Protein backbone atom coordinates (compact mmCIF):
# COMPACT_ATOMS: atom_id res chain seq x y z
CA MET A 1 77.61 88.02 90.33
CA GLU A 2 77.43 89.29 86.77
CA PHE A 3 79.73 92.04 85.49
CA THR A 4 79.35 94.10 82.37
CA ALA A 5 81.99 94.47 79.72
CA GLU A 6 82.74 97.90 81.22
CA HIS A 7 83.26 96.34 84.63
CA ASN A 8 85.67 93.81 83.21
CA ALA A 9 87.58 96.47 81.26
CA PHE A 10 87.91 98.49 84.47
CA ARG A 11 89.27 95.42 86.27
CA GLU A 12 91.91 94.95 83.62
CA MET A 13 92.90 98.61 83.88
CA VAL A 14 93.30 98.46 87.68
CA ARG A 15 95.14 95.15 87.50
CA SER A 16 97.59 96.62 85.02
CA PHE A 17 98.14 99.61 87.29
CA VAL A 18 98.79 97.40 90.28
CA ASP A 19 101.11 95.09 88.38
CA LYS A 20 103.16 97.91 86.79
CA GLU A 21 103.10 100.75 89.27
CA LEU A 22 102.71 99.15 92.71
CA THR A 23 103.82 95.50 93.06
CA PRO A 24 107.37 96.02 91.69
CA HIS A 25 108.10 98.50 94.51
CA VAL A 26 106.63 96.61 97.47
CA ASP A 27 109.88 95.20 98.80
CA GLU A 28 111.46 98.66 98.63
CA TRP A 29 108.51 100.28 100.44
CA GLU A 30 108.40 97.59 103.08
CA LYS A 31 112.09 98.14 103.91
CA ALA A 32 111.61 101.93 104.01
CA GLU A 33 108.48 101.48 106.14
CA ILE A 34 106.67 104.05 104.01
CA PHE A 35 105.54 104.44 100.40
CA PRO A 36 105.40 107.73 98.42
CA ALA A 37 101.68 108.35 98.88
CA HIS A 38 101.50 111.57 96.90
CA GLU A 39 103.24 110.06 93.90
CA VAL A 40 101.26 106.81 93.96
CA PHE A 41 97.87 108.46 94.64
CA LYS A 42 98.41 110.95 91.87
CA LYS A 43 98.79 108.08 89.38
CA ALA A 44 95.72 106.37 90.81
CA GLY A 45 93.78 109.66 90.75
CA ASP A 46 94.56 110.13 87.05
CA LEU A 47 92.85 106.76 86.44
CA GLY A 48 89.81 107.65 88.51
CA ILE A 49 90.45 104.95 91.13
CA LEU A 50 90.18 107.29 94.14
CA GLY A 51 86.67 108.63 93.45
CA ILE A 52 84.85 105.79 91.77
CA GLU A 53 81.36 106.39 93.22
CA TYR A 54 81.78 110.12 93.92
CA ASP A 55 80.00 112.97 92.19
CA PRO A 56 81.55 113.87 88.79
CA ALA A 57 81.04 117.52 89.74
CA TYR A 58 84.04 117.10 92.07
CA GLY A 59 86.07 114.83 89.79
CA GLY A 60 84.49 111.52 90.69
CA MET A 61 83.51 108.78 88.20
CA GLY A 62 79.90 108.51 89.37
CA GLN A 63 79.99 104.73 88.90
CA ASP A 64 78.16 102.02 90.80
CA HIS A 65 79.55 100.21 93.85
CA LEU A 66 80.64 97.13 91.95
CA TYR A 67 83.41 99.20 90.37
CA THR A 68 84.66 99.96 93.88
CA MET A 69 84.58 96.30 94.84
CA ILE A 70 86.56 95.44 91.69
CA ALA A 71 89.20 98.07 92.42
CA VAL A 72 89.63 96.92 96.01
CA GLU A 73 89.89 93.27 94.90
CA GLU A 74 92.66 94.11 92.45
CA ILE A 75 94.56 96.34 94.85
CA GLY A 76 94.21 93.48 97.39
CA ARG A 77 96.29 91.27 95.08
CA MET A 78 99.41 93.22 96.11
CA PRO A 79 101.95 91.17 98.11
CA CYS A 80 101.58 93.41 101.16
CA GLY A 81 98.81 94.88 103.27
CA GLY A 82 100.14 98.36 104.04
CA VAL A 83 99.63 100.06 100.69
CA PRO A 84 96.16 98.61 100.12
CA MET A 85 95.21 99.82 103.57
CA ALA A 86 96.36 103.34 102.70
CA PHE A 87 94.26 103.20 99.53
CA GLY A 88 91.33 102.19 101.66
CA VAL A 89 91.76 105.24 103.85
CA GLN A 90 91.89 107.52 100.83
CA MET A 91 88.93 105.90 99.04
CA MET A 92 86.56 104.56 101.72
CA MET A 93 87.52 105.77 105.19
CA ALA A 94 88.43 109.47 105.22
CA THR A 95 86.26 110.74 102.41
CA PRO A 96 82.74 109.10 102.49
CA SER A 97 81.40 111.52 105.12
CA LEU A 98 82.76 114.49 103.27
CA HIS A 99 81.13 113.33 100.03
CA LYS A 100 77.79 112.55 101.68
CA HIS A 101 77.50 115.34 104.23
CA GLY A 102 80.05 118.01 103.35
CA SER A 103 79.21 121.47 102.04
CA PRO A 104 79.93 122.27 98.40
CA GLU A 105 82.77 124.53 99.55
CA LEU A 106 84.41 121.74 101.56
CA LYS A 107 84.02 119.31 98.73
CA GLU A 108 85.63 121.67 96.28
CA LYS A 109 88.53 122.47 98.62
CA TYR A 110 89.24 118.97 100.01
CA LEU A 111 87.30 116.24 98.21
CA ARG A 112 88.29 117.24 94.69
CA PRO A 113 92.05 117.14 95.32
CA ALA A 114 91.68 113.87 97.30
CA ILE A 115 89.90 112.28 94.32
CA ALA A 116 92.59 113.63 91.98
CA GLY A 117 95.40 112.32 94.21
CA ASP A 118 96.69 115.82 94.80
CA MET A 119 96.00 115.59 98.50
CA VAL A 120 96.56 112.63 100.83
CA THR A 121 93.97 112.10 103.52
CA SER A 122 93.80 110.36 106.95
CA ILE A 123 90.99 109.39 109.25
CA ALA A 124 91.61 110.54 112.86
CA VAL A 125 89.33 108.77 115.33
CA THR A 126 91.36 106.47 117.59
CA GLU A 127 92.97 107.86 120.73
CA PRO A 128 95.45 106.43 123.24
CA ASP A 129 92.59 105.78 125.66
CA ALA A 130 89.77 105.21 123.16
CA GLY A 131 90.17 102.51 120.48
CA SER A 132 87.13 100.55 119.43
CA ASP A 133 85.10 102.43 122.09
CA VAL A 134 84.59 105.51 119.95
CA ALA A 135 82.20 107.02 122.48
CA ALA A 136 85.16 107.41 124.89
CA ILE A 137 87.16 109.88 122.80
CA ARG A 138 88.44 112.97 124.59
CA THR A 139 89.88 115.23 121.92
CA ARG A 140 87.89 118.44 122.18
CA ALA A 141 87.01 121.26 119.85
CA VAL A 142 85.79 124.46 121.53
CA LYS A 143 84.30 127.42 119.70
CA ASP A 144 86.19 130.72 119.72
CA GLY A 145 84.65 133.23 117.38
CA ASP A 146 84.55 131.67 113.91
CA ASP A 147 87.04 128.92 114.83
CA TRP A 148 87.23 125.59 116.59
CA VAL A 149 90.17 125.38 118.98
CA ILE A 150 91.23 121.74 119.18
CA ASN A 151 93.20 119.99 121.88
CA GLY A 152 93.96 116.29 122.30
CA SER A 153 95.70 113.46 120.53
CA LYS A 154 95.02 110.76 117.95
CA VAL A 155 96.95 107.52 117.51
CA PHE A 156 97.36 104.80 114.89
CA ILE A 157 96.72 107.30 112.12
CA THR A 158 97.32 105.70 108.71
CA SER A 159 99.32 107.96 106.36
CA GLY A 160 99.61 110.32 109.30
CA THR A 161 103.11 111.55 108.43
CA GLN A 162 102.16 112.32 104.82
CA SER A 163 98.50 113.36 104.80
CA ASP A 164 97.45 116.87 103.85
CA TRP A 165 94.17 116.82 105.77
CA LEU A 166 92.43 114.76 108.41
CA CYS A 167 88.80 113.81 108.88
CA LEU A 168 88.87 114.36 112.66
CA LEU A 169 86.24 113.17 115.13
CA ALA A 170 86.20 115.42 118.22
CA ARG A 171 83.97 116.37 121.09
CA THR A 172 82.27 119.68 120.44
CA SER A 173 79.93 119.81 123.44
CA ASP A 174 79.83 118.61 127.08
CA GLU A 175 77.35 115.85 126.31
CA GLY A 176 78.86 112.47 127.14
CA GLY A 177 79.01 109.16 125.35
CA TYR A 178 78.11 109.23 121.64
CA ARG A 179 76.42 112.64 121.83
CA GLY A 180 78.06 115.97 121.13
CA MET A 181 80.73 114.90 118.61
CA SER A 182 81.49 116.44 115.21
CA GLN A 183 83.57 115.58 112.20
CA ILE A 184 86.01 118.35 111.31
CA ILE A 185 88.50 118.72 108.47
CA VAL A 186 91.86 119.69 109.82
CA GLU A 187 94.77 120.58 107.58
CA ARG A 188 97.99 118.85 108.56
CA ASN A 189 100.10 122.07 108.40
CA ALA A 190 97.81 123.84 110.90
CA PRO A 191 99.88 125.45 113.70
CA GLY A 192 99.80 123.28 116.83
CA LEU A 193 99.24 120.01 114.96
CA GLU A 194 102.34 117.84 115.32
CA VAL A 195 103.45 114.36 114.33
CA ALA A 196 104.57 113.37 117.81
CA LYS A 197 105.90 110.06 116.61
CA LYS A 198 106.05 107.79 113.58
CA LEU A 199 105.00 104.43 115.03
CA GLU A 200 106.80 101.16 114.43
CA LYS A 201 104.36 98.32 113.86
CA TYR A 202 104.39 94.52 113.89
CA GLY A 203 103.10 94.51 110.31
CA MET A 204 101.78 96.80 107.56
CA HIS A 205 105.30 98.13 107.22
CA SER A 206 104.82 99.90 103.88
CA SER A 207 102.17 102.14 105.38
CA ASP A 208 103.26 104.97 107.73
CA THR A 209 101.35 105.34 110.97
CA ALA A 210 101.53 108.27 113.36
CA LEU A 211 100.73 109.61 116.77
CA LEU A 212 99.32 113.15 116.29
CA THR A 213 98.91 115.83 118.94
CA PHE A 214 96.69 118.94 118.86
CA ASP A 215 97.72 121.96 120.89
CA ASP A 216 95.30 124.87 120.45
CA VAL A 217 94.86 124.04 116.78
CA ARG A 218 92.54 126.58 115.20
CA VAL A 219 90.21 125.43 112.41
CA PRO A 220 87.29 127.40 110.84
CA ILE A 221 83.90 126.22 112.07
CA SER A 222 82.95 126.04 108.41
CA ASN A 223 85.29 123.01 108.23
CA THR A 224 82.65 121.01 110.09
CA ILE A 225 81.35 118.10 108.01
CA GLY A 226 77.58 117.81 108.04
CA VAL A 227 75.64 118.59 111.17
CA GLU A 228 77.44 119.80 114.30
CA GLY A 229 76.92 117.22 117.06
CA ARG A 230 76.17 114.41 114.63
CA GLY A 231 79.72 113.35 114.08
CA PHE A 232 79.42 110.01 115.88
CA GLN A 233 76.47 108.95 113.72
CA GLN A 234 78.22 110.09 110.56
CA GLN A 235 81.35 108.21 111.58
CA MET A 236 79.31 105.04 112.16
CA GLU A 237 78.07 105.29 108.56
CA GLN A 238 81.66 105.77 107.43
CA PHE A 239 82.72 102.71 109.41
CA VAL A 240 80.27 100.55 107.43
CA VAL A 241 81.98 101.53 104.19
CA GLU A 242 85.37 100.94 105.79
CA ARG A 243 84.38 97.43 106.85
CA MET A 244 83.18 96.62 103.36
CA PHE A 245 86.59 97.73 102.03
CA ALA A 246 88.24 95.44 104.59
CA SER A 247 86.30 92.52 103.11
CA TYR A 248 86.65 93.00 99.37
CA GLY A 249 90.40 92.69 99.21
CA LYS A 250 90.68 89.71 101.59
CA ALA A 251 89.36 86.98 99.35
CA GLU A 252 91.94 87.75 96.70
CA SER A 253 94.84 87.91 99.11
CA MET A 254 93.76 84.72 100.90
CA GLN A 255 93.34 82.75 97.69
CA ARG A 256 96.68 84.03 96.48
CA ALA A 257 98.33 82.82 99.66
CA LEU A 258 96.80 79.40 99.32
CA ASP A 259 97.78 79.14 95.66
CA LYS A 260 101.38 80.13 96.38
CA THR A 261 101.53 77.63 99.23
CA ALA A 262 100.22 74.89 96.96
CA GLU A 263 102.90 75.63 94.39
CA TYR A 264 105.59 75.51 97.06
CA LEU A 265 104.31 72.18 98.33
CA LYS A 266 104.38 70.68 94.88
CA GLN A 267 108.12 71.37 94.77
CA ARG A 268 108.89 70.44 98.41
CA ILE A 269 109.89 66.74 98.42
CA VAL A 270 109.73 64.83 101.68
CA LYS A 271 110.38 61.07 101.82
CA GLY A 272 110.45 60.87 98.08
CA ARG A 273 107.20 62.62 97.24
CA PRO A 274 105.86 66.19 97.23
CA LEU A 275 104.20 67.38 100.40
CA ILE A 276 101.05 68.29 98.45
CA ALA A 277 100.54 64.51 97.94
CA SER A 278 99.74 64.17 101.64
CA ASP A 279 95.95 63.86 102.11
CA TYR A 280 96.21 65.85 105.34
CA VAL A 281 97.87 68.77 103.57
CA ALA A 282 95.63 68.65 100.47
CA TYR A 283 92.44 68.40 102.54
CA LYS A 284 93.40 71.32 104.75
CA LEU A 285 94.14 73.51 101.72
CA ALA A 286 90.83 72.42 100.13
CA ASP A 287 88.95 73.24 103.35
CA LEU A 288 90.46 76.70 103.57
CA SER A 289 89.87 77.38 99.86
CA ALA A 290 86.19 76.37 100.30
CA GLN A 291 85.86 78.79 103.23
CA VAL A 292 87.39 81.56 101.08
CA ASP A 293 84.76 80.87 98.43
CA VAL A 294 81.93 81.15 100.97
CA PHE A 295 83.43 84.37 102.32
CA ARG A 296 83.72 85.75 98.77
CA ALA A 297 80.06 84.90 98.08
CA HIS A 298 79.01 86.77 101.18
CA ALA A 299 81.09 89.81 100.21
CA ASN A 300 79.57 89.76 96.69
CA ALA A 301 76.05 89.60 98.08
CA MET A 302 76.90 92.52 100.37
CA ALA A 303 78.22 94.57 97.43
CA GLU A 304 75.04 93.93 95.43
CA LYS A 305 72.86 94.87 98.37
CA PHE A 306 74.81 98.12 98.93
CA ASN A 307 74.56 98.80 95.19
CA ARG A 308 70.77 98.65 95.48
CA GLY A 309 70.93 101.35 98.15
CA GLU A 310 70.08 99.01 101.03
CA ASP A 311 71.58 99.05 104.53
CA THR A 312 74.56 96.75 104.84
CA THR A 313 75.58 97.36 108.47
CA ARG A 314 74.95 93.74 109.50
CA GLU A 315 76.65 92.28 106.40
CA ALA A 316 79.67 94.52 106.73
CA THR A 317 80.04 93.61 110.42
CA ILE A 318 79.81 89.87 109.69
CA SER A 319 82.23 90.13 106.79
CA LYS A 320 84.75 92.14 108.81
CA LEU A 321 84.63 89.59 111.65
CA ILE A 322 84.69 86.38 109.61
CA GLY A 323 87.13 87.61 106.99
CA ALA A 324 89.69 88.73 109.57
CA ARG A 325 89.49 85.38 111.41
CA LEU A 326 89.77 83.40 108.21
CA ALA A 327 92.73 85.39 107.02
CA ARG A 328 94.53 84.63 110.28
CA ASP A 329 93.74 80.92 109.86
CA VAL A 330 95.00 80.96 106.25
CA GLY A 331 98.18 82.70 107.26
CA ASP A 332 98.86 80.30 110.12
CA TRP A 333 98.42 77.20 107.95
CA CYS A 334 100.49 78.63 105.12
CA LEU A 335 103.31 79.36 107.53
CA GLN A 336 102.99 75.87 109.05
CA PHE A 337 103.19 74.17 105.67
CA HIS A 338 106.21 76.19 104.63
CA GLY A 339 108.02 75.08 107.77
CA GLY A 340 111.25 76.93 108.49
CA MET A 341 111.03 78.89 105.23
CA GLY A 342 107.75 80.44 106.30
CA TYR A 343 109.43 81.75 109.46
CA MET A 344 112.05 83.69 107.54
CA GLU A 345 111.63 87.46 107.37
CA ASP A 346 112.66 87.61 103.68
CA PHE A 347 109.94 85.19 102.62
CA TRP A 348 106.42 86.28 101.72
CA VAL A 349 104.62 84.18 104.30
CA ALA A 350 105.94 86.00 107.37
CA ARG A 351 104.81 89.33 105.86
CA TYR A 352 101.39 87.90 105.11
CA VAL A 353 100.91 86.69 108.67
CA ARG A 354 102.04 90.02 110.14
CA ASP A 355 99.83 92.09 107.84
CA THR A 356 96.65 90.03 108.20
CA ARG A 357 96.82 90.08 112.03
CA LEU A 358 95.59 93.67 112.06
CA GLY A 359 92.27 92.62 110.57
CA SER A 360 90.92 91.51 113.93
CA ILE A 361 92.00 94.77 115.60
CA GLY A 362 91.85 97.74 113.25
CA GLY A 363 88.57 99.31 112.19
CA GLY A 364 86.83 97.72 115.16
CA SER A 365 88.03 94.62 117.02
CA ASP A 366 86.45 91.18 116.70
CA GLU A 367 84.88 91.76 120.09
CA THR A 368 83.36 95.04 118.86
CA MET A 369 81.93 93.31 115.77
CA LEU A 370 80.34 90.67 118.03
CA GLN A 371 78.91 93.43 120.22
CA VAL A 372 77.37 95.15 117.17
CA LEU A 373 75.95 91.85 115.85
CA ALA A 374 74.49 90.89 119.22
CA ARG A 375 72.72 94.24 119.35
CA ILE A 376 71.47 94.05 115.74
CA ASP A 377 70.22 90.48 116.18
CA GLY A 378 68.46 91.24 119.47
CA PHE A 379 70.71 89.13 121.69
CA THR A 380 71.54 92.06 123.96
CA PRO A 381 69.38 94.99 125.15
């Protein structure tokens, strides 16, 4: 992949931002189990990071997709998964549908401040009884005059205790399955919308996650994104962008984990020589590093294809599936080679293992990715 001088300068800018404004605070945010999203996103918004490909008319940079890939790669270098995940929600999960399908009025009111970092956003799809099976959601929005009246609940909502607005997927008709859903912007301070619980998670500690409940929440019908009843299809488009995000940062974090493990093994002396001198250890690290390179090449090819305006649903699904599995494998071997040190909570390896485990669950499970691939490739009806 070839980058221009402008691409490279952008990478240096994002890397400097990550190194100076984010990484020094990771341990603090992990212990607090939250990071100051408004403060951090405002700094990112001032640099243009939150609206890289979006229309300059609403504060975006209007750049090509390779800039997005670069930003996600650099943010992925952080020694945690929670904050990069929250960036992904802001950049590539809660706002793509609004940018592509939203009315000018909605973009001005909600997209512009999200790009600027003045508003924090969340994506609200998953429900207690509907995870990867999006067609099973039950949260309903019923028309009453000029308003939607919303009832239901959403769970595992990233930035859910801090967000200013949600991109909500709800049922807006009695049609079953994937039909009759709409995407609706809901402000977090709307009467009847409550943070029922801040959830405690196995990993991703620096990112707050919430259970939200909706009790007769009234929202203007004009807050509907795109075409009423096409919310499922719009959300599927948004999922493709989300899965690409999940891929771009993984190669950097995996290679970083392997490099740090190699450095540790050079210093760890067993029976008079460093552990890295063992062929078994060296070959396993080389094998994993080679797999990371193959994964990175696939992600790069996907980015170039998307940049040409081509459909990347299959590539994003493959990348999401393979990347999540490989990250788990990398984490497991890094922990094994660190021995008892890797099992300690105050050491980086344990955090890496915890954070990467979500990759095979969030944003569509491995099983869901295989279901999508089997359908695309004609293996199932």
